[in-house]
PDB file of all heavy atoms in Angstrom:
ATOM      1  N   ILE A   1       0.817  -1.122   0.002  1.00  0.00           N
ATOM      2  CA  ILE A   1       0.038  -0.005  -0.101  1.00  0.00           C
ATOM      3  C   ILE A   1       0.868   1.260  -0.104  1.00  0.00           C
ATOM      4  O   ILE A   1       0.494   2.290  -0.760  1.00  0.00           O
ATOM      5  CB  ILE A   1      -0.967   0.001   1.191  1.00  0.00           C
ATOM      6  CG1 ILE A   1      -2.071  -1.090   1.053  1.00  0.00           C
ATOM      7  CG2 ILE A   1      -1.579   1.315   1.427  1.00  0.00           C
ATOM      8  CD1 ILE A   1      -2.966  -1.341   2.298  1.00  0.00           C
ATOM      9  N   PHE A   2       1.937   1.260   0.740  1.00  0.00           N
ATOM     10  CA  PHE A   2       2.815   2.440   0.899  1.00  0.00           C
ATOM     11  C   PHE A   2       3.437   2.585  -0.422  1.00  0.00           C
ATOM     12  O   PHE A   2       3.631   3.757  -0.957  1.00  0.00           O
ATOM     13  CB  PHE A   2       3.852   2.283   2.018  1.00  0.00           C
ATOM     14  CG  PHE A   2       3.492   2.901   3.251  1.00  0.00           C
ATOM     15  CD1 PHE A   2       2.698   2.165   4.196  1.00  0.00           C
ATOM     16  CD2 PHE A   2       3.785   4.185   3.551  1.00  0.00           C
ATOM     17  CE1 PHE A   2       2.358   2.660   5.387  1.00  0.00           C
ATOM     18  CE2 PHE A   2       3.410   4.729   4.748  1.00  0.00           C
ATOM     19  CZ  PHE A   2       2.670   3.981   5.681  1.00  0.00           C
ATOM     20  N   PHE A   3       3.824   1.664  -1.146  1.00  0.00           N
ATOM     21  CA  PHE A   3       4.598   1.632  -2.493  1.00  0.00           C
ATOM     22  C   PHE A   3       3.560   2.264  -3.444  1.00  0.00           C
ATOM     23  O   PHE A   3       3.906   3.165  -4.253  1.00  0.00           O
ATOM     24  CB  PHE A   3       5.130   0.369  -2.918  1.00  0.00           C
ATOM     25  CG  PHE A   3       5.764   0.415  -4.208  1.00  0.00           C
ATOM     26  CD1 PHE A   3       6.876   0.971  -4.508  1.00  0.00           C
ATOM     27  CD2 PHE A   3       5.069  -0.249  -5.344  1.00  0.00           C
ATOM     28  CE1 PHE A   3       7.425   1.077  -5.784  1.00  0.00           C
ATOM     29  CE2 PHE A   3       5.622  -0.315  -6.650  1.00  0.00           C
ATOM     30  CZ  PHE A   3       6.839   0.469  -6.815  1.00  0.00           C
ATOM     31  N   LEU A   4       2.437   1.721  -3.525  1.00  0.00           N
ATOM     32  CA  LEU A   4       1.345   2.111  -4.472  1.00  0.00           C
ATOM     33  C   LEU A   4       0.938   3.585  -4.210  1.00  0.00           C
ATOM     34  O   LEU A   4       0.730   4.220  -5.254  1.00  0.00           O
ATOM     35  CB  LEU A   4       0.098   1.113  -4.578  1.00  0.00           C
ATOM     36  CG  LEU A   4       0.451  -0.236  -5.083  1.00  0.00           C
ATOM     37  CD1 LEU A   4      -0.790  -1.140  -4.913  1.00  0.00           C
ATOM     38  CD2 LEU A   4       0.957  -0.190  -6.459  1.00  0.00           C
ATOM     39  N   THR A   5       0.718   4.013  -3.079  1.00  0.00           N
ATOM     40  CA  THR A   5       0.259   5.278  -2.697  1.00  0.00           C
ATOM     41  C   THR A   5       1.416   6.310  -2.984  1.00  0.00           C
ATOM     42  O   THR A   5       1.158   7.519  -3.330  1.00  0.00           O
ATOM     43  CB  THR A   5      -0.097   5.484  -1.188  1.00  0.00           C
ATOM     44  OG1 THR A   5       0.947   5.053  -0.428  1.00  0.00           O
ATOM     45  CG2 THR A   5      -1.224   4.680  -0.950  1.00  0.00           C
ATOM     46  N   PHE A   6       2.712   5.833  -2.945  1.00  0.00           N
ATOM     47  CA  PHE A   6       3.780   6.703  -3.439  1.00  0.00           C
ATOM     48  C   PHE A   6       3.721   7.019  -4.953  1.00  0.00           C
ATOM     49  O   PHE A   6       3.665   8.118  -5.397  1.00  0.00           O
ATOM     50  CB  PHE A   6       5.109   6.215  -3.123  1.00  0.00           C
ATOM     51  CG  PHE A   6       6.178   6.904  -3.585  1.00  0.00           C
ATOM     52  CD1 PHE A   6       6.702   8.087  -3.181  1.00  0.00           C
ATOM     53  CD2 PHE A   6       7.006   6.292  -4.797  1.00  0.00           C
ATOM     54  CE1 PHE A   6       7.772   8.853  -3.837  1.00  0.00           C
ATOM     55  CE2 PHE A   6       8.024   6.998  -5.381  1.00  0.00           C
ATOM     56  CZ  PHE A   6       8.471   8.343  -4.866  1.00  0.00           C
ATOM     57  N   LEU A   7       3.338   5.986  -5.673  1.00  0.00           N
ATOM     58  CA  LEU A   7       3.258   6.117  -7.081  1.00  0.00           C
ATOM     59  C   LEU A   7       2.078   6.842  -7.595  1.00  0.00           C
ATOM     60  O   LEU A   7       2.044   7.738  -8.358  1.00  0.00           O
ATOM     61  CB  LEU A   7       3.116   4.735  -7.844  1.00  0.00           C
ATOM     62  CG  LEU A   7       4.496   3.747  -7.736  1.00  0.00           C
ATOM     63  CD1 LEU A   7       4.159   2.517  -8.335  1.00  0.00           C
ATOM     64  CD2 LEU A   7       5.651   4.560  -8.449  1.00  0.00           C
ATOM     65  N   ARG A   8       0.856   6.644  -6.867  1.00  0.00           N
ATOM     66  CA  ARG A   8      -0.428   7.218  -7.227  1.00  0.00           C
ATOM     67  C   ARG A   8      -0.585   8.490  -6.579  1.00  0.00           C
ATOM     68  O   ARG A   8      -1.532   9.257  -6.982  1.00  0.00           O
ATOM     69  CB  ARG A   8      -1.528   6.267  -6.726  1.00  0.00           C
ATOM     70  CG  ARG A   8      -1.437   4.863  -7.430  1.00  0.00           C
ATOM     71  CD  ARG A   8      -2.636   4.018  -6.856  1.00  0.00           C
ATOM     72  NE  ARG A   8      -2.590   2.660  -7.371  1.00  0.00           N
ATOM     73  CZ  ARG A   8      -3.407   1.698  -7.068  1.00  0.00           C
ATOM     74  NH1 ARG A   8      -4.289   2.015  -5.958  1.00  0.00           N
ATOM     75  NH2 ARG A   8      -3.336   0.554  -7.522  1.00  0.00           N
ATOM     76  N   GLY A   9       0.143   8.868  -5.533  1.00  0.00           N
ATOM     77  CA  GLY A   9      -0.148  10.152  -4.778  1.00  0.00           C
ATOM     78  C   GLY A   9       0.996  10.963  -4.550  1.00  0.00           C
ATOM     79  O   GLY A   9       1.302  12.173  -4.968  1.00  0.00           O
ATOM     80  N   GLY A  10       2.160  10.208  -3.978  1.00  0.00           N
ATOM     81  CA  GLY A  10       3.347  11.072  -3.687  1.00  0.00           C
ATOM     82  C   GLY A  10       4.019  11.723  -4.841  1.00  0.00           C
ATOM     83  O   GLY A  10       4.452  12.758  -4.732  1.00  0.00           O
ATOM     84  N   LEU A  11       4.024  11.033  -6.019  1.00  0.00           N
ATOM     85  CA  LEU A  11       4.691  11.606  -7.144  1.00  0.00           C
ATOM     86  C   LEU A  11       3.906  12.680  -7.866  1.00  0.00           C
ATOM     87  O   LEU A  11       4.393  13.201  -8.861  1.00  0.00           O
ATOM     88  CB  LEU A  11       4.894  10.364  -8.171  1.00  0.00           C
ATOM     89  CG  LEU A  11       6.107   9.392  -7.801  1.00  0.00           C
ATOM     90  CD1 LEU A  11       6.141   8.291  -8.907  1.00  0.00           C
ATOM     91  CD2 LEU A  11       7.345  10.210  -7.543  1.00  0.00           C
ATOM     92  N   GLU A  12       2.580  12.964  -7.362  1.00  0.00           N
ATOM     93  CA  GLU A  12       1.960  14.165  -7.801  1.00  0.00           C
ATOM     94  C   GLU A  12       2.666  15.376  -7.221  1.00  0.00           C
ATOM     95  O   GLU A  12       2.566  16.464  -7.952  1.00  0.00           O
ATOM     96  CB  GLU A  12       0.578  14.147  -7.334  1.00  0.00           C
ATOM     97  CG  GLU A  12      -0.193  13.110  -7.915  1.00  0.00           C
ATOM     98  CD  GLU A  12      -1.789  13.041  -7.423  1.00  0.00           C
ATOM     99  OE1 GLU A  12      -2.140  14.030  -6.617  1.00  0.00           O
ATOM    100  OE2 GLU A  12      -2.452  12.172  -7.720  1.00  0.00           O
ATOM    101  N   GLU A  13       3.248  15.325  -6.215  1.00  0.00           N
ATOM    102  CA  GLU A  13       3.903  16.536  -5.490  1.00  0.00           C
ATOM    103  C   GLU A  13       4.871  17.392  -6.283  1.00  0.00           C
ATOM    104  O   GLU A  13       4.875  18.625  -6.067  1.00  0.00           O
ATOM    105  CB  GLU A  13       4.423  16.179  -4.100  1.00  0.00           C
ATOM    106  CG  GLU A  13       3.302  15.765  -3.143  1.00  0.00           C
ATOM    107  CD  GLU A  13       2.341  16.760  -2.884  1.00  0.00           C
ATOM    108  OE1 GLU A  13       2.658  18.053  -2.784  1.00  0.00           O
ATOM    109  OE2 GLU A  13       1.094  16.473  -2.930  1.00  0.00           O
ATOM    110  N   PRO A  14       5.747  16.834  -7.132  1.00  0.00           N
ATOM    111  CA  PRO A  14       6.637  17.744  -7.835  1.00  0.00           C
ATOM    112  C   PRO A  14       5.823  18.638  -8.825  1.00  0.00           C
ATOM    113  O   PRO A  14       6.318  19.749  -9.223  1.00  0.00           O
ATOM    114  CB  PRO A  14       7.378  16.664  -8.758  1.00  0.00           C
ATOM    115  CG  PRO A  14       7.542  15.416  -7.886  1.00  0.00           C
ATOM    116  CD  PRO A  14       6.126  15.390  -7.161  1.00  0.00           C
ATOM    117  N   GLY A  15       4.498  18.296  -9.156  1.00  0.00           N
ATOM    118  CA  GLY A  15       3.769  19.083  -9.838  1.00  0.00           C
ATOM    119  C   GLY A  15       2.888  20.096  -9.073  1.00  0.00           C
ATOM    120  O   GLY A  15       2.982  21.294  -9.175  1.00  0.00           O
ATOM    121  N   TRP A  16       2.144  19.545  -7.978  1.00  0.00           N
ATOM    122  CA  TRP A  16       1.397  20.443  -7.132  1.00  0.00           C
ATOM    123  C   TRP A  16       2.228  21.362  -6.275  1.00  0.00           C
ATOM    124  O   TRP A  16       2.012  22.630  -6.344  1.00  0.00           O
ATOM    125  CB  TRP A  16       0.533  19.552  -6.204  1.00  0.00           C
ATOM    126  CG  TRP A  16      -0.417  18.646  -6.826  1.00  0.00           C
ATOM    127  CD1 TRP A  16      -0.739  17.379  -6.321  1.00  0.00           C
ATOM    128  CD2 TRP A  16      -1.200  18.860  -8.063  1.00  0.00           C
ATOM    129  NE1 TRP A  16      -1.667  16.694  -7.254  1.00  0.00           N
ATOM    130  CE2 TRP A  16      -1.845  17.594  -8.195  1.00  0.00           C
ATOM    131  CE3 TRP A  16      -1.150  19.732  -9.101  1.00  0.00           C
ATOM    132  CZ2 TRP A  16      -2.725  17.308  -9.322  1.00  0.00           C
ATOM    133  CZ3 TRP A  16      -2.045  19.540 -10.076  1.00  0.00           C
ATOM    134  CH2 TRP A  16      -2.699  18.413 -10.350  1.00  0.00           C
ATOM    135  N   ARG A  17       3.115  20.889  -5.483  1.00  0.00           N
ATOM    136  CA  ARG A  17       3.932  21.742  -4.699  1.00  0.00           C
ATOM    137  C   ARG A  17       5.171  22.300  -5.379  1.00  0.00           C
ATOM    138  O   ARG A  17       5.745  23.284  -5.065  1.00  0.00           O
ATOM    139  CB  ARG A  17       4.321  21.046  -3.421  1.00  0.00           C
ATOM    140  CG  ARG A  17       3.528  21.546  -2.059  1.00  0.00           C
ATOM    141  CD  ARG A  17       2.087  21.565  -2.161  1.00  0.00           C
ATOM    142  NE  ARG A  17       1.517  20.180  -2.339  1.00  0.00           N
ATOM    143  CZ  ARG A  17       0.131  20.159  -2.358  1.00  0.00           C
ATOM    144  NH1 ARG A  17      -0.715  21.023  -2.112  1.00  0.00           N
ATOM    145  NH2 ARG A  17      -0.395  18.794  -2.670  1.00  0.00           N
ATOM    146  N   GLY A  18       5.665  21.457  -6.305  1.00  0.00           N
ATOM    147  CA  GLY A  18       6.914  21.833  -7.005  1.00  0.00           C
ATOM    148  C   GLY A  18       6.793  22.995  -7.975  1.00  0.00           C
ATOM    149  O   GLY A  18       7.713  23.790  -8.303  1.00  0.00           O
ATOM    150  N   ILE A  19       5.670  23.082  -8.706  1.00  0.00           N
ATOM    151  CA  ILE A  19       5.434  24.098  -9.623  1.00  0.00           C
ATOM    152  C   ILE A  19       4.215  24.937  -9.477  1.00  0.00           C
ATOM    153  O   ILE A  19       4.305  26.182  -9.304  1.00  0.00           O
ATOM    154  CB  ILE A  19       5.248  23.377 -11.101  1.00  0.00           C
ATOM    155  CG1 ILE A  19       6.566  22.879 -11.527  1.00  0.00           C
ATOM    156  CG2 ILE A  19       4.767  24.381 -12.135  1.00  0.00           C
ATOM    157  CD1 ILE A  19       7.627  23.741 -11.941  1.00  0.00           C
ATOM    158  N   ALA A  20       3.112  24.221  -9.354  1.00  0.00           N
ATOM    159  CA  ALA A  20       1.828  25.037  -9.044  1.00  0.00           C
ATOM    160  C   ALA A  20       1.784  25.979  -7.911  1.00  0.00           C
ATOM    161  O   ALA A  20       1.381  27.129  -7.999  1.00  0.00           O
ATOM    162  CB  ALA A  20       0.619  24.025  -9.026  1.00  0.00           C
ATOM    163  N   LEU A  21       2.133  25.415  -6.744  1.00  0.00           N
ATOM    164  CA  LEU A  21       1.994  26.321  -5.508  1.00  0.00           C
ATOM    165  C   LEU A  21       3.001  27.416  -5.623  1.00  0.00           C
ATOM    166  O   LEU A  21       2.590  28.642  -5.306  1.00  0.00           O
ATOM    167  CB  LEU A  21       2.448  25.516  -4.307  1.00  0.00           C
ATOM    168  CG  LEU A  21       2.260  26.267  -2.940  1.00  0.00           C
ATOM    169  CD1 LEU A  21       0.907  26.773  -2.724  1.00  0.00           C
ATOM    170  CD2 LEU A  21       2.675  25.350  -1.839  1.00  0.00           C
ATOM    171  N   PRO A  22       4.241  27.386  -5.999  1.00  0.00           N
ATOM    172  CA  PRO A  22       5.165  28.459  -6.102  1.00  0.00           C
ATOM    173  C   PRO A  22       4.589  29.650  -7.080  1.00  0.00           C
ATOM    174  O   PRO A  22       4.635  30.747  -6.780  1.00  0.00           O
ATOM    175  CB  PRO A  22       6.487  27.934  -6.634  1.00  0.00           C
ATOM    176  CG  PRO A  22       6.322  26.564  -6.157  1.00  0.00           C
ATOM    177  CD  PRO A  22       5.110  26.115  -6.296  1.00  0.00           C
ATOM    178  N   LEU A  23       4.132  29.057  -8.189  1.00  0.00           N
ATOM    179  CA  LEU A  23       3.472  29.976  -9.218  1.00  0.00           C
ATOM    180  C   LEU A  23       2.273  30.790  -8.579  1.00  0.00           C
ATOM    181  O   LEU A  23       2.221  32.021  -8.686  1.00  0.00           O
ATOM    182  CB  LEU A  23       3.172  29.352 -10.496  1.00  0.00           C
ATOM    183  CG  LEU A  23       4.295  28.814 -11.335  1.00  0.00           C
ATOM    184  CD1 LEU A  23       3.818  28.001 -12.504  1.00  0.00           C
ATOM    185  CD2 LEU A  23       5.100  29.955 -11.824  1.00  0.00           C
ATOM    186  N   LEU A  24       1.371  30.056  -7.868  1.00  0.00           N
ATOM    187  CA  LEU A  24       0.246  30.634  -7.417  1.00  0.00           C
ATOM    188  C   LEU A  24       0.733  31.698  -6.187  1.00  0.00           C
ATOM    189  O   LEU A  24      -0.043  32.700  -6.178  1.00  0.00           O
ATOM    190  CB  LEU A  24      -0.674  29.588  -6.828  1.00  0.00           C
ATOM    191  CG  LEU A  24      -1.433  28.866  -7.867  1.00  0.00           C
ATOM    192  CD1 LEU A  24      -1.998  27.607  -7.157  1.00  0.00           C
ATOM    193  CD2 LEU A  24      -2.439  29.587  -8.558  1.00  0.00           C
ATOM    194  N   GLN A  25       1.701  31.326  -5.476  1.00  0.00           N
ATOM    195  CA  GLN A  25       2.096  32.255  -4.370  1.00  0.00           C
ATOM    196  C   GLN A  25       2.816  33.435  -4.818  1.00  0.00           C
ATOM    197  O   GLN A  25       3.039  34.430  -4.050  1.00  0.00           O
ATOM    198  CB  GLN A  25       2.986  31.478  -3.334  1.00  0.00           C
ATOM    199  CG  GLN A  25       2.147  30.502  -2.584  1.00  0.00           C
ATOM    200  CD  GLN A  25       2.966  29.991  -1.405  1.00  0.00           C
ATOM    201  OE1 GLN A  25       2.557  30.138  -0.282  1.00  0.00           O
ATOM    202  NE2 GLN A  25       4.010  29.100  -1.710  1.00  0.00           N
ATOM    203  N   LYS A  26       3.051  33.477  -6.012  1.00  0.00           N
ATOM    204  CA  LYS A  26       3.679  34.745  -6.761  1.00  0.00           C
ATOM    205  C   LYS A  26       2.598  35.685  -6.957  1.00  0.00           C
ATOM    206  O   LYS A  26       2.741  36.951  -6.923  1.00  0.00           O
ATOM    207  CB  LYS A  26       4.359  34.486  -8.077  1.00  0.00           C
ATOM    208  CG  LYS A  26       5.688  33.813  -8.045  1.00  0.00           C
ATOM    209  CD  LYS A  26       6.306  33.636  -9.307  1.00  0.00           C
ATOM    210  CE  LYS A  26       7.686  32.971  -9.210  1.00  0.00           C
ATOM    211  NZ  LYS A  26       8.269  32.900 -10.648  1.00  0.00           N
ATOM    212  N   ARG A  27       1.320  35.294  -7.111  1.00  0.00           N
ATOM    213  CA  ARG A  27       0.107  36.086  -7.476  1.00  0.00           C
ATOM    214  C   ARG A  27      -0.738  36.255  -6.203  1.00  0.00           C
ATOM    215  O   ARG A  27      -1.398  37.351  -6.020  1.00  0.00           O
ATOM    216  CB  ARG A  27      -0.709  35.495  -8.531  1.00  0.00           C
ATOM    217  CG  ARG A  27       0.026  35.394  -9.820  1.00  0.00           C
ATOM    218  CD  ARG A  27      -0.916  35.167 -11.080  1.00  0.00           C
ATOM    219  NE  ARG A  27      -1.831  36.034 -11.127  1.00  0.00           N
ATOM    220  CZ  ARG A  27      -2.892  36.008 -12.044  1.00  0.00           C
ATOM    221  NH1 ARG A  27      -2.955  35.003 -12.831  1.00  0.00           N
ATOM    222  NH2 ARG A  27      -3.738  36.982 -12.064  1.00  0.00           N
ATOM    223  N   PHE A  28      -0.912  35.313  -5.351  1.00  0.00           N
ATOM    224  CA  PHE A  28      -1.771  35.439  -4.169  1.00  0.00           C
ATOM    225  C   PHE A  28      -1.095  35.095  -2.837  1.00  0.00           C
ATOM    226  O   PHE A  28       0.013  34.528  -2.853  1.00  0.00           O
ATOM    227  CB  PHE A  28      -2.877  34.237  -4.365  1.00  0.00           C
ATOM    228  CG  PHE A  28      -3.622  34.276  -5.749  1.00  0.00           C
ATOM    229  CD1 PHE A  28      -3.350  33.398  -6.629  1.00  0.00           C
ATOM    230  CD2 PHE A  28      -4.448  35.316  -6.011  1.00  0.00           C
ATOM    231  CE1 PHE A  28      -4.000  33.267  -7.828  1.00  0.00           C
ATOM    232  CE2 PHE A  28      -5.038  35.462  -7.286  1.00  0.00           C
ATOM    233  CZ  PHE A  28      -4.847  34.389  -8.222  1.00  0.00           C
ATOM    234  N   ASN A  29      -1.782  35.315  -1.843  1.00  0.00           N
ATOM    235  CA  ASN A  29      -1.232  35.005  -0.541  1.00  0.00           C
ATOM    236  C   ASN A  29      -1.306  33.422  -0.286  1.00  0.00           C
ATOM    237  O   ASN A  29      -1.907  32.850  -1.139  1.00  0.00           O
ATOM    238  CB  ASN A  29      -1.873  35.700   0.599  1.00  0.00           C
ATOM    239  CG  ASN A  29      -3.367  35.373   0.957  1.00  0.00           C
ATOM    240  OD1 ASN A  29      -3.642  34.243   0.867  1.00  0.00           O
ATOM    241  ND2 ASN A  29      -4.128  36.292   1.245  1.00  0.00           N
ATOM    242  N   ALA A  30      -0.716  32.892   0.650  1.00  0.00           N
ATOM    243  CA  ALA A  30      -0.638  31.491   0.690  1.00  0.00           C
ATOM    244  C   ALA A  30      -1.973  30.692   0.833  1.00  0.00           C
ATOM    245  O   ALA A  30      -2.130  29.600   0.312  1.00  0.00           O
ATOM    246  CB  ALA A  30       0.330  31.089   1.943  1.00  0.00           C
ATOM    247  N   THR A  31      -2.765  31.471   1.628  1.00  0.00           N
ATOM    248  CA  THR A  31      -4.083  30.778   1.933  1.00  0.00           C
ATOM    249  C   THR A  31      -4.970  30.746   0.534  1.00  0.00           C
ATOM    250  O   THR A  31      -5.547  29.705   0.233  1.00  0.00           O
ATOM    251  CB  THR A  31      -4.920  31.569   2.958  1.00  0.00           C
ATOM    252  OG1 THR A  31      -4.142  31.440   4.163  1.00  0.00           O
ATOM    253  CG2 THR A  31      -6.304  31.035   3.124  1.00  0.00           C
ATOM    254  N   ILE A  32      -5.050  31.859  -0.160  1.00  0.00           N
ATOM    255  CA  ILE A  32      -5.673  31.834  -1.451  1.00  0.00           C
ATOM    256  C   ILE A  32      -5.056  30.942  -2.386  1.00  0.00           C
ATOM    257  O   ILE A  32      -5.819  30.194  -3.128  1.00  0.00           O
ATOM    258  CB  ILE A  32      -5.806  33.295  -1.984  1.00  0.00           C
ATOM    259  CG1 ILE A  32      -6.742  34.265  -1.065  1.00  0.00           C
ATOM    260  CG2 ILE A  32      -6.483  33.180  -3.402  1.00  0.00           C
ATOM    261  CD1 ILE A  32      -6.706  35.610  -1.461  1.00  0.00           C
ATOM    262  N   ALA A  33      -3.776  30.961  -2.574  1.00  0.00           N
ATOM    263  CA  ALA A  33      -3.045  30.005  -3.411  1.00  0.00           C
ATOM    264  C   ALA A  33      -3.490  28.579  -3.039  1.00  0.00           C
ATOM    265  O   ALA A  33      -3.673  27.767  -4.000  1.00  0.00           O
ATOM    266  CB  ALA A  33      -1.504  30.360  -3.279  1.00  0.00           C
ATOM    267  N   SER A  34      -3.621  28.308  -1.907  1.00  0.00           N
ATOM    268  CA  SER A  34      -3.852  26.928  -1.430  1.00  0.00           C
ATOM    269  C   SER A  34      -5.304  26.532  -1.783  1.00  0.00           C
ATOM    270  O   SER A  34      -5.505  25.480  -2.377  1.00  0.00           O
ATOM    271  CB  SER A  34      -3.767  26.733   0.096  1.00  0.00           C
ATOM    272  OG  SER A  34      -2.449  26.918   0.554  1.00  0.00           O
ATOM    273  N   VAL A  35      -6.188  27.420  -1.749  1.00  0.00           N
ATOM    274  CA  VAL A  35      -7.623  27.213  -2.214  1.00  0.00           C
ATOM    275  C   VAL A  35      -7.646  26.966  -3.612  1.00  0.00           C
ATOM    276  O   VAL A  35      -8.324  25.874  -4.025  1.00  0.00           O
ATOM    277  CB  VAL A  35      -8.539  28.401  -1.769  1.00  0.00           C
ATOM    278  CG1 VAL A  35      -9.905  28.237  -2.403  1.00  0.00           C
ATOM    279  CG2 VAL A  35      -8.660  28.612  -0.368  1.00  0.00           C
ATOM    280  N   VAL A  36      -6.966  27.822  -4.372  1.00  0.00           N
ATOM    281  CA  VAL A  36      -6.919  27.633  -5.831  1.00  0.00           C
ATOM    282  C   VAL A  36      -6.375  26.245  -6.287  1.00  0.00           C
ATOM    283  O   VAL A  36      -6.917  25.371  -6.987  1.00  0.00           O
ATOM    284  CB  VAL A  36      -6.197  28.795  -6.600  1.00  0.00           C
ATOM    285  CG1 VAL A  36      -5.959  28.501  -8.091  1.00  0.00           C
ATOM    286  CG2 VAL A  36      -6.810  30.017  -6.360  1.00  0.00           C
ATOM    287  N   LEU A  37      -5.231  25.913  -5.556  1.00  0.00           N
ATOM    288  CA  LEU A  37      -4.502  24.581  -5.783  1.00  0.00           C
ATOM    289  C   LEU A  37      -5.514  23.434  -5.468  1.00  0.00           C
ATOM    290  O   LEU A  37      -5.509  22.426  -6.112  1.00  0.00           O
ATOM    291  CB  LEU A  37      -3.260  24.635  -5.124  1.00  0.00           C
ATOM    292  CG  LEU A  37      -2.366  23.245  -5.327  1.00  0.00           C
ATOM    293  CD1 LEU A  37      -2.126  22.905  -6.745  1.00  0.00           C
ATOM    294  CD2 LEU A  37      -0.996  23.433  -4.513  1.00  0.00           C
ATOM    295  N   GLY A  38      -6.127  23.556  -4.278  1.00  0.00           N
ATOM    296  CA  GLY A  38      -7.042  22.536  -3.863  1.00  0.00           C
ATOM    297  C   GLY A  38      -8.078  22.283  -4.962  1.00  0.00           C
ATOM    298  O   GLY A  38      -8.449  21.057  -5.105  1.00  0.00           O
ATOM    299  N   VAL A  39      -8.670  23.385  -5.561  1.00  0.00           N
ATOM    300  CA  VAL A  39      -9.663  23.132  -6.608  1.00  0.00           C
ATOM    301  C   VAL A  39      -9.021  22.422  -7.750  1.00  0.00           C
ATOM    302  O   VAL A  39      -9.633  21.513  -8.367  1.00  0.00           O
ATOM    303  CB  VAL A  39     -10.341  24.568  -6.999  1.00  0.00           C
ATOM    304  CG1 VAL A  39     -11.121  24.287  -8.279  1.00  0.00           C
ATOM    305  CG2 VAL A  39     -11.082  25.076  -5.891  1.00  0.00           C
ATOM    306  N   ILE A  40      -7.815  22.740  -8.218  1.00  0.00           N
ATOM    307  CA  ILE A  40      -7.085  22.119  -9.204  1.00  0.00           C
ATOM    308  C   ILE A  40      -6.813  20.671  -8.953  1.00  0.00           C
ATOM    309  O   ILE A  40      -7.037  19.806  -9.870  1.00  0.00           O
ATOM    310  CB  ILE A  40      -5.811  22.900  -9.565  1.00  0.00           C
ATOM    311  CG1 ILE A  40      -6.102  24.306 -10.066  1.00  0.00           C
ATOM    312  CG2 ILE A  40      -5.006  22.124 -10.646  1.00  0.00           C
ATOM    313  CD1 ILE A  40      -4.729  25.170 -10.241  1.00  0.00           C
ATOM    314  N   TRP A  41      -6.342  20.497  -7.741  1.00  0.00           N
ATOM    315  CA  TRP A  41      -6.094  19.006  -7.307  1.00  0.00           C
ATOM    316  C   TRP A  41      -7.319  18.234  -7.490  1.00  0.00           C
ATOM    317  O   TRP A  41      -7.327  16.986  -7.938  1.00  0.00           O
ATOM    318  CB  TRP A  41      -5.500  19.156  -5.907  1.00  0.00           C
ATOM    319  CG  TRP A  41      -4.971  17.829  -5.296  1.00  0.00           C
ATOM    320  CD1 TRP A  41      -4.968  16.594  -5.935  1.00  0.00           C
ATOM    321  CD2 TRP A  41      -4.429  17.801  -3.996  1.00  0.00           C
ATOM    322  NE1 TRP A  41      -4.341  15.778  -4.977  1.00  0.00           N
ATOM    323  CE2 TRP A  41      -4.062  16.416  -3.831  1.00  0.00           C
ATOM    324  CE3 TRP A  41      -4.231  18.667  -2.913  1.00  0.00           C
ATOM    325  CZ2 TRP A  41      -3.517  15.955  -2.602  1.00  0.00           C
ATOM    326  CZ3 TRP A  41      -3.638  18.175  -1.786  1.00  0.00           C
ATOM    327  CH2 TRP A  41      -3.254  16.851  -1.666  1.00  0.00           C
TER     328      TRP A  41
END
């Protein structure tokens, strides 16, 4: 389960936190950026 959840979930993070969150935080505060990212996710 841990291995599969890494493949199915953990490896999403280079996209969500690695690219999307930094870009959103350039335009919005951290809370609003998180809401927008949550909707995208």
